[in-house]
Amino acid sequence: MYNVLIFGASGSIGTQTLDVLKRLNQNYKLVAFTIGNRVEYVDKILNDFKDVKAICLKNEEDVELFKNKYPNINFYAGSAGLLDILDDNSISVDIVVNALTGFAGLLPSIKSLYLNKILCLANKESLVVGGEFITKLLKEGKGRLYPIDSEHVAIAKCLYNKNKNDIDKILITASGGPFFDTLIDEFKNITVENALNHPTWKMGKKITIDSSTMMNKAFEIVEAYYLFNVDANKIEPIVDRHSKVHSMVKYKNGDIYLNVGPSDMRIPIYYALTFGKCDKDKFDDVEINTYSNYHFYQMNYEKFPLINYGKYIIQKRGNSGAIINAANEECVYAFLNKRINYIDIKSIIDKIVAMYQFIDNPSLDDILRTDHEVRLLVNRLIESK
């Protein structure tokens, strides 16, 4: 029996994780979750999962309300609560699912590994911003890490039973987003509604915007670098407009392994929760040398230049991931709130990267300070504009 804590239980990945846990209920038990502002989910989750002993909400007022309603459950509040819940002595957590959005997921990821938990990671910012810290913990034997991103689960499946030294290329697929066929000159007219209209995946708003700009793919390149410990030059994006192929690995002998399946995040969530187990020589959803059965496009770097920040973060390291992530988060939310135009996202990020101080070997405090200061700087730029 595995006891599970979900960070971000009311989001897209969180709710789908709950669905998977219902199917795995004989071997898995939800004992804690965090839910932010969406407190309307609390009663429903508690109705479905009877073993919950700890919950973290964003606001202290909501905590007081639910404390009275559920006196046998320990409640926590705010960003401090995200870390405090991991120390709750009333629960024994084996698996942590980090489905938080953005920088908020970094410290819970680091603490989960430090406490030797099995971390099922959907929060890509943990590796984009803190890849060096997480890699160090794993090398020290702290915890275990399994990806939830569909692309990285696909890569892991294609690498199963294979020698990494035999890799020629890791090809991370992208759908191309809603603007793959849009002319660059028309980008200035893109609305929030246009950008949220993803062609193949149903996701949260922030990641949907990132998918439209390809910043999401830039971050996935960084993730792949840290997860699979391969030369960054071997990692390349490729476009599958139908999102049937989730990623591929090309080997030096010419073989191409493809992970193929529906656009359903429950599949990679199941992979992570079952620790990537396979009882055969390969996974059932891995095809070999069927590349010609599908239609792929090359990535358009001129149209989607933000994808270049993936290799930039890998090469630069230091606090570069924290700078770019914080700038991107603030720009995306500003765009969603119609404070800036779509094309401003890239221009502001580029300005911040040029302006903000680079730190070669940052401490965790340096990363936290970078995140805070960059957000202030972005908003000052927006206000002055």
Protein backbone atom coordinates (compact mmCIF):
# COMPACT_ATOMS: atom_id res chain seq x y z
CA MET A 1 0.00 0.00 0.00
CA TYR A 2 1.38 3.41 -1.02
CA ASN A 3 0.29 6.61 0.73
CA VAL A 4 -0.03 9.54 -1.68
CA LEU A 5 0.14 13.32 -1.28
CA ILE A 6 -0.98 15.46 -4.24
CA PHE A 7 0.24 19.02 -4.60
CA GLY A 8 -2.33 20.81 -6.77
CA ALA A 9 -5.25 18.39 -6.54
CA SER A 10 -7.77 20.71 -8.20
CA GLY A 11 -5.78 21.40 -11.39
CA SER A 12 -5.81 19.47 -14.66
CA ILE A 13 -3.09 16.99 -13.65
CA GLY A 14 -4.32 16.81 -10.06
CA THR A 15 -7.89 15.88 -10.95
CA GLN A 16 -6.71 13.29 -13.46
CA THR A 17 -4.37 11.85 -10.82
CA LEU A 18 -7.40 11.42 -8.58
CA ASP A 19 -9.10 9.51 -11.40
CA VAL A 20 -6.10 7.19 -11.71
CA LEU A 21 -5.98 6.65 -7.94
CA LYS A 22 -9.59 5.49 -8.00
CA ARG A 23 -8.56 2.76 -10.43
CA LEU A 24 -5.54 1.87 -8.28
CA ASN A 25 -7.41 2.08 -4.99
CA GLN A 26 -6.44 -1.39 -3.75
CA ASN A 27 -2.76 -0.43 -3.62
CA TYR A 28 -2.83 3.35 -3.24
CA LYS A 29 -4.29 5.61 -0.58
CA LEU A 30 -4.69 9.40 -0.76
CA VAL A 31 -3.67 10.75 2.64
CA ALA A 32 -3.07 14.45 1.89
CA PHE A 33 -3.56 17.10 -0.77
CA THR A 34 -3.22 20.80 -1.49
CA ILE A 35 -5.82 22.76 -3.40
CA GLY A 36 -5.07 26.51 -3.43
CA ASN A 37 -8.13 28.72 -3.87
CA ARG A 38 -10.49 26.16 -5.35
CA VAL A 39 -11.98 25.13 -2.03
CA GLU A 40 -15.18 23.91 -3.69
CA TYR A 41 -13.22 20.72 -4.49
CA VAL A 42 -12.50 19.87 -0.85
CA ASP A 43 -15.84 18.23 -0.02
CA LYS A 44 -15.90 16.20 -3.21
CA ILE A 45 -12.38 14.85 -2.75
CA LEU A 46 -13.07 13.95 0.87
CA ASN A 47 -16.24 12.20 -0.18
CA ASP A 48 -14.27 10.06 -2.65
CA PHE A 49 -11.17 9.49 -0.52
CA LYS A 50 -11.81 8.61 3.13
CA ASP A 51 -8.19 8.36 4.34
CA VAL A 52 -7.20 12.01 3.98
CA LYS A 53 -5.60 13.36 7.14
CA ALA A 54 -3.99 16.63 5.98
CA ILE A 55 -4.95 19.43 3.57
CA CYS A 56 -3.29 22.71 2.59
CA LEU A 57 -5.35 25.65 1.32
CA LYS A 58 -4.13 29.02 0.11
CA ASN A 59 -6.05 31.30 2.49
CA GLU A 60 -6.08 31.25 6.29
CA GLU A 61 -9.78 32.19 6.33
CA ASP A 62 -10.67 29.05 4.36
CA VAL A 63 -8.56 26.98 6.75
CA GLU A 64 -10.54 28.22 9.75
CA LEU A 65 -13.80 27.39 8.01
CA PHE A 66 -12.80 23.84 7.10
CA LYS A 67 -11.15 23.17 10.46
CA ASN A 68 -14.55 23.44 12.08
CA LYS A 69 -16.17 21.29 9.43
CA TYR A 70 -13.50 18.53 9.51
CA PRO A 71 -11.96 18.52 13.02
CA ASN A 72 -10.11 15.22 12.42
CA ILE A 73 -8.08 16.64 9.54
CA ASN A 74 -4.97 18.82 9.92
CA PHE A 75 -5.16 21.99 7.82
CA TYR A 76 -2.32 24.19 6.57
CA ALA A 77 -2.26 27.52 4.78
CA GLY A 78 -0.24 29.34 2.15
CA SER A 79 3.18 28.65 0.66
CA ALA A 80 4.57 27.72 4.10
CA GLY A 81 1.81 25.13 4.39
CA LEU A 82 3.01 23.46 1.20
CA LEU A 83 6.20 22.56 3.05
CA ASP A 84 4.68 22.03 6.50
CA ILE A 85 2.29 19.37 5.21
CA LEU A 86 5.31 17.20 4.34
CA ASP A 87 6.27 17.24 8.04
CA ASP A 88 2.82 16.18 9.29
CA ASN A 89 3.40 13.30 11.72
CA SER A 90 -0.18 12.05 11.37
CA ILE A 91 0.53 10.79 7.86
CA SER A 92 3.23 8.63 6.36
CA VAL A 93 3.71 9.70 2.74
CA ASP A 94 5.38 7.39 0.23
CA ILE A 95 4.54 9.14 -3.05
CA VAL A 96 4.34 12.86 -3.74
CA VAL A 97 2.62 13.98 -6.94
CA ASN A 98 3.72 17.52 -7.72
CA ALA A 99 1.06 18.95 -10.03
CA LEU A 100 1.58 22.58 -9.01
CA THR A 101 1.90 25.24 -11.68
CA GLY A 102 5.02 27.36 -11.93
CA PHE A 103 7.76 28.30 -9.48
CA ALA A 104 5.53 27.38 -6.52
CA GLY A 105 6.41 23.74 -7.17
CA LEU A 106 10.17 24.10 -6.70
CA LEU A 107 10.52 23.92 -2.91
CA PRO A 108 7.94 21.10 -2.50
CA SER A 109 9.92 19.06 -5.06
CA ILE A 110 13.23 19.68 -3.32
CA LYS A 111 11.83 18.92 0.14
CA SER A 112 10.04 15.76 -1.08
CA LEU A 113 13.30 14.34 -2.41
CA TYR A 114 15.23 15.46 0.67
CA LEU A 115 12.73 13.48 2.77
CA ASN A 116 13.30 10.42 0.52
CA LYS A 117 9.85 10.44 -1.05
CA ILE A 118 9.01 9.06 -4.49
CA LEU A 119 8.38 12.21 -6.52
CA CYS A 120 6.01 11.99 -9.49
CA LEU A 121 6.76 15.26 -11.21
CA ALA A 122 4.44 17.24 -13.45
CA ASN A 123 5.88 20.59 -12.34
CA LYS A 124 8.46 21.21 -15.06
CA GLU A 125 9.63 24.44 -13.41
CA SER A 126 11.24 22.35 -10.65
CA LEU A 127 13.86 21.17 -13.16
CA VAL A 128 13.98 24.35 -15.26
CA VAL A 129 14.76 26.48 -12.19
CA GLY A 130 16.29 23.93 -9.82
CA GLY A 131 17.68 21.17 -12.00
CA GLU A 132 21.12 21.34 -10.40
CA PHE A 133 19.69 21.09 -6.88
CA ILE A 134 17.42 18.17 -7.76
CA THR A 135 20.18 16.32 -9.60
CA LYS A 136 22.45 16.71 -6.59
CA LEU A 137 19.83 15.26 -4.25
CA LEU A 138 19.21 12.28 -6.53
CA LYS A 139 22.95 11.61 -6.85
CA GLU A 140 23.15 11.60 -3.06
CA GLY A 141 20.50 8.86 -3.01
CA LYS A 142 17.69 11.10 -1.82
CA GLY A 143 14.28 9.95 -3.04
CA ARG A 144 13.30 8.83 -6.53
CA LEU A 145 11.94 10.83 -9.45
CA TYR A 146 9.45 9.77 -12.13
CA PRO A 147 8.20 12.21 -14.79
CA ILE A 148 4.53 12.82 -15.53
CA ASP A 149 4.91 15.01 -18.64
CA SER A 150 3.65 12.95 -21.58
CA GLU A 151 6.78 13.69 -23.63
CA HIS A 152 9.19 12.54 -20.95
CA VAL A 153 7.23 9.43 -20.11
CA ALA A 154 7.29 8.70 -23.85
CA ILE A 155 11.08 9.11 -23.93
CA ALA A 156 11.48 6.89 -20.86
CA LYS A 157 9.39 4.18 -22.52
CA CYS A 158 11.44 4.41 -25.71
CA LEU A 159 14.65 4.09 -23.65
CA TYR A 160 13.43 1.05 -21.70
CA ASN A 161 16.01 -1.77 -21.75
CA LYS A 162 18.31 0.35 -23.94
CA ASN A 163 21.82 1.73 -23.46
CA LYS A 164 21.90 5.53 -23.38
CA ASN A 165 25.28 5.45 -25.15
CA ASP A 166 23.45 4.15 -28.21
CA ILE A 167 21.22 7.24 -28.51
CA ASP A 168 21.57 9.32 -31.65
CA LYS A 169 18.68 11.75 -31.04
CA ILE A 170 15.85 12.32 -28.59
CA LEU A 171 12.98 13.88 -30.53
CA ILE A 172 10.47 15.69 -28.32
CA THR A 173 7.21 16.10 -30.17
CA ALA A 174 5.12 19.26 -30.13
CA SER A 175 1.62 19.75 -31.49
CA GLY A 176 2.67 23.08 -32.93
CA GLY A 177 -0.04 24.78 -30.90
CA PRO A 178 -2.82 26.97 -32.30
CA PHE A 179 -0.48 29.23 -34.32
CA PHE A 180 1.67 26.77 -36.25
CA ASP A 181 0.00 27.86 -39.51
CA THR A 182 -0.43 31.51 -38.52
CA LEU A 183 1.72 34.07 -40.33
CA ILE A 184 4.22 35.91 -38.13
CA ASP A 185 2.75 39.24 -39.24
CA GLU A 186 -0.58 38.17 -37.71
CA PHE A 187 0.85 37.45 -34.25
CA LYS A 188 0.20 41.03 -33.18
CA ASN A 189 -3.54 40.37 -33.49
CA ILE A 190 -3.63 37.19 -31.36
CA THR A 191 -6.17 37.33 -28.53
CA VAL A 192 -6.31 35.44 -25.25
CA GLU A 193 -9.19 33.38 -26.62
CA ASN A 194 -7.13 32.45 -29.71
CA ALA A 195 -4.16 31.38 -27.60
CA LEU A 196 -6.27 29.23 -25.27
CA ASN A 197 -7.68 27.25 -28.19
CA HIS A 198 -5.17 24.38 -28.17
CA PRO A 199 -5.76 21.94 -31.03
CA THR A 200 -5.16 18.61 -29.28
CA TRP A 201 -4.73 18.87 -25.49
CA LYS A 202 -7.02 20.14 -22.74
CA MET A 203 -4.79 21.79 -20.14
CA GLY A 204 -4.65 24.63 -17.65
CA LYS A 205 -4.52 28.20 -18.96
CA LYS A 206 -0.89 28.91 -18.14
CA ILE A 207 0.54 25.81 -19.81
CA THR A 208 -1.79 26.32 -22.79
CA ILE A 209 -0.30 29.78 -23.39
CA ASP A 210 3.21 28.32 -22.97
CA SER A 211 2.33 25.71 -25.57
CA SER A 212 1.26 28.41 -28.00
CA THR A 213 4.57 30.31 -27.64
CA MET A 214 6.63 27.07 -27.48
CA MET A 215 8.14 28.14 -24.16
CA ASN A 216 6.61 24.93 -22.87
CA LYS A 217 8.77 22.99 -25.35
CA ALA A 218 11.84 24.97 -24.32
CA PHE A 219 11.23 23.91 -20.73
CA GLU A 220 10.69 20.29 -21.81
CA ILE A 221 14.11 20.29 -23.48
CA VAL A 222 15.61 21.33 -20.13
CA GLU A 223 13.60 18.63 -18.36
CA ALA A 224 14.82 15.98 -20.78
CA TYR A 225 18.41 17.06 -20.22
CA TYR A 226 18.16 16.59 -16.46
CA LEU A 227 15.92 13.52 -16.49
CA PHE A 228 17.92 11.46 -18.98
CA ASN A 229 21.43 12.87 -18.54
CA VAL A 230 22.18 13.15 -22.25
CA ASP A 231 24.08 15.71 -24.31
CA ALA A 232 21.78 18.68 -24.95
CA ASN A 233 22.76 18.59 -28.63
CA LYS A 234 21.01 15.22 -28.90
CA ILE A 235 17.66 16.69 -27.83
CA GLU A 236 15.54 18.24 -30.58
CA PRO A 237 11.87 19.25 -30.98
CA ILE A 238 9.72 17.97 -33.86
CA VAL A 239 6.08 18.73 -34.68
CA ASP A 240 3.26 16.17 -34.83
CA ARG A 241 0.10 18.18 -35.47
CA HIS A 242 -2.14 15.33 -34.32
CA SER A 243 -0.29 14.64 -31.01
CA LYS A 244 -0.38 10.90 -31.67
CA VAL A 245 3.37 10.43 -31.25
CA HIS A 246 4.38 11.71 -27.83
CA SER A 247 8.14 11.54 -28.42
CA MET A 248 10.76 9.40 -30.13
CA VAL A 249 14.28 8.10 -29.65
CA LYS A 250 16.53 7.50 -32.64
CA TYR A 251 19.41 5.10 -32.06
CA LYS A 252 22.82 5.03 -33.73
CA ASN A 253 21.92 1.82 -35.57
CA GLY A 254 19.10 3.67 -37.33
CA ASP A 255 16.20 2.27 -35.30
CA ILE A 256 13.54 4.78 -34.26
CA TYR A 257 11.36 4.01 -31.25
CA LEU A 258 8.07 5.92 -31.08
CA ASN A 259 5.63 6.22 -28.19
CA VAL A 260 2.16 6.37 -29.75
CA GLY A 261 -1.22 6.83 -28.09
CA PRO A 262 -4.18 9.09 -27.35
CA SER A 263 -3.84 12.60 -25.87
CA ASP A 264 -4.73 11.40 -22.38
CA MET A 265 -2.63 12.48 -19.39
CA ARG A 266 -3.94 9.57 -17.33
CA ILE A 267 -1.52 7.33 -19.23
CA PRO A 268 1.69 9.12 -18.12
CA ILE A 269 0.22 9.61 -14.63
CA TYR A 270 -0.31 5.85 -14.38
CA TYR A 271 3.28 5.31 -15.56
CA ALA A 272 4.65 7.56 -12.81
CA LEU A 273 2.47 6.14 -10.03
CA THR A 274 3.52 2.59 -10.94
CA PHE A 275 7.20 3.62 -11.12
CA GLY A 276 7.56 2.92 -14.84
CA LYS A 277 7.12 -0.83 -14.44
CA CYS A 278 6.97 -3.02 -17.53
CA ASP A 279 6.71 -6.80 -17.52
CA LYS A 280 7.82 -7.18 -21.15
CA ASP A 281 10.86 -6.28 -23.23
CA LYS A 282 9.10 -3.03 -24.26
CA PHE A 283 5.94 -1.07 -23.48
CA ASP A 284 2.81 -1.92 -25.47
CA ASP A 285 2.51 1.66 -26.74
CA VAL A 286 6.04 1.76 -28.20
CA GLU A 287 6.41 1.21 -31.94
CA ILE A 288 9.66 0.52 -33.78
CA ASN A 289 10.53 1.99 -37.19
CA THR A 290 7.01 3.18 -37.99
CA TYR A 291 8.17 6.78 -38.48
CA SER A 292 6.89 6.87 -42.08
CA ASN A 293 3.35 6.10 -40.88
CA TYR A 294 3.10 9.58 -39.36
CA HIS A 295 3.54 13.10 -40.67
CA PHE A 296 6.05 15.36 -38.95
CA TYR A 297 7.15 18.96 -39.46
CA GLN A 298 10.35 20.71 -38.52
CA MET A 299 10.12 23.31 -35.76
CA ASN A 300 9.87 26.87 -37.04
CA TYR A 301 12.42 28.70 -34.89
CA GLU A 302 11.77 32.04 -36.59
CA LYS A 303 8.09 31.89 -35.70
CA PHE A 304 8.65 30.43 -32.21
CA PRO A 305 12.01 31.84 -31.03
CA LEU A 306 11.25 31.30 -27.33
CA ILE A 307 12.05 27.61 -27.80
CA ASN A 308 15.72 28.62 -28.08
CA TYR A 309 15.69 29.40 -24.36
CA GLY A 310 15.70 25.66 -23.65
CA LYS A 311 19.27 25.15 -24.89
CA TYR A 312 20.20 28.58 -23.48
CA ILE A 313 19.23 27.52 -19.94
CA ILE A 314 21.16 24.25 -20.27
CA GLN A 315 24.31 25.99 -21.52
CA LYS A 316 24.13 29.01 -19.20
CA ARG A 317 22.87 27.26 -16.03
CA GLY A 318 23.25 29.39 -12.89
CA ASN A 319 20.10 31.40 -12.25
CA SER A 320 19.19 31.63 -15.95
CA GLY A 321 16.26 29.22 -15.56
CA ALA A 322 14.91 31.25 -12.64
CA ILE A 323 15.19 34.49 -14.63
CA ILE A 324 13.43 33.15 -17.71
CA ASN A 325 10.77 31.23 -15.79
CA ALA A 326 9.81 34.20 -13.58
CA ALA A 327 9.70 36.55 -16.55
CA ASN A 328 7.62 34.09 -18.54
CA GLU A 329 5.16 33.43 -15.70
CA GLU A 330 4.53 37.14 -15.13
CA CYS A 331 4.18 37.82 -18.85
CA VAL A 332 1.76 34.93 -19.38
CA TYR A 333 -0.46 36.05 -16.50
CA ALA A 334 -0.29 39.65 -17.71
CA PHE A 335 -1.39 38.49 -21.16
CA LEU A 336 -4.21 36.37 -19.70
CA ASN A 337 -5.35 39.46 -17.78
CA LYS A 338 -5.08 41.52 -21.00
CA ARG A 339 -2.42 43.85 -19.60
CA ILE A 340 -0.05 43.13 -22.50
CA ASN A 341 -0.33 41.89 -26.07
CA TYR A 342 0.73 38.42 -27.20
CA ILE A 343 3.89 39.62 -28.94
CA ASP A 344 4.93 41.48 -25.77
CA ILE A 345 5.59 38.14 -24.02
CA LYS A 346 8.77 37.52 -26.01
CA SER A 347 9.97 41.13 -26.08
CA ILE A 348 9.68 41.52 -22.30
CA ILE A 349 11.40 38.19 -21.58
CA ASP A 350 14.27 39.16 -23.90
CA LYS A 351 14.63 42.51 -22.12
CA ILE A 352 14.69 40.88 -18.68
CA VAL A 353 17.33 38.34 -19.73
CA ALA A 354 19.51 41.21 -20.96
CA MET A 355 18.91 43.35 -17.86
CA TYR A 356 18.97 41.04 -14.86
CA GLN A 357 22.17 39.98 -13.10
CA PHE A 358 23.36 36.47 -13.96
CA ILE A 359 24.69 34.37 -11.05
CA ASP A 360 26.97 31.53 -12.07
CA ASN A 361 26.73 29.31 -8.97
CA PRO A 362 23.57 30.37 -7.12
CA SER A 363 22.43 29.19 -3.71
CA LEU A 364 18.78 28.31 -3.21
CA ASP A 365 18.35 31.72 -1.57
CA ASP A 366 19.80 33.31 -4.72
CA ILE A 367 17.20 31.45 -6.80
CA LEU A 368 14.37 32.62 -4.54
CA ARG A 369 15.62 36.21 -4.66
CA THR A 370 16.01 36.06 -8.45
CA ASP A 371 12.42 34.88 -8.81
CA HIS A 372 11.10 37.66 -6.59
CA GLU A 373 13.14 40.47 -8.15
CA VAL A 374 12.46 39.44 -11.74
CA ARG A 375 8.71 39.47 -11.13
CA LEU A 376 8.92 43.00 -9.73
CA LEU A 377 11.03 44.07 -12.69
CA VAL A 378 8.61 42.60 -15.24
CA ASN A 379 5.66 44.38 -13.68
CA ARG A 380 7.55 47.67 -13.59
CA LEU A 381 8.25 47.27 -17.31
CA ILE A 382 4.60 46.51 -17.98
CA GLU A 383 3.41 49.50 -15.97
CA SER A 384 5.86 51.87 -17.64
CA LYS A 385 4.79 50.57 -21.05
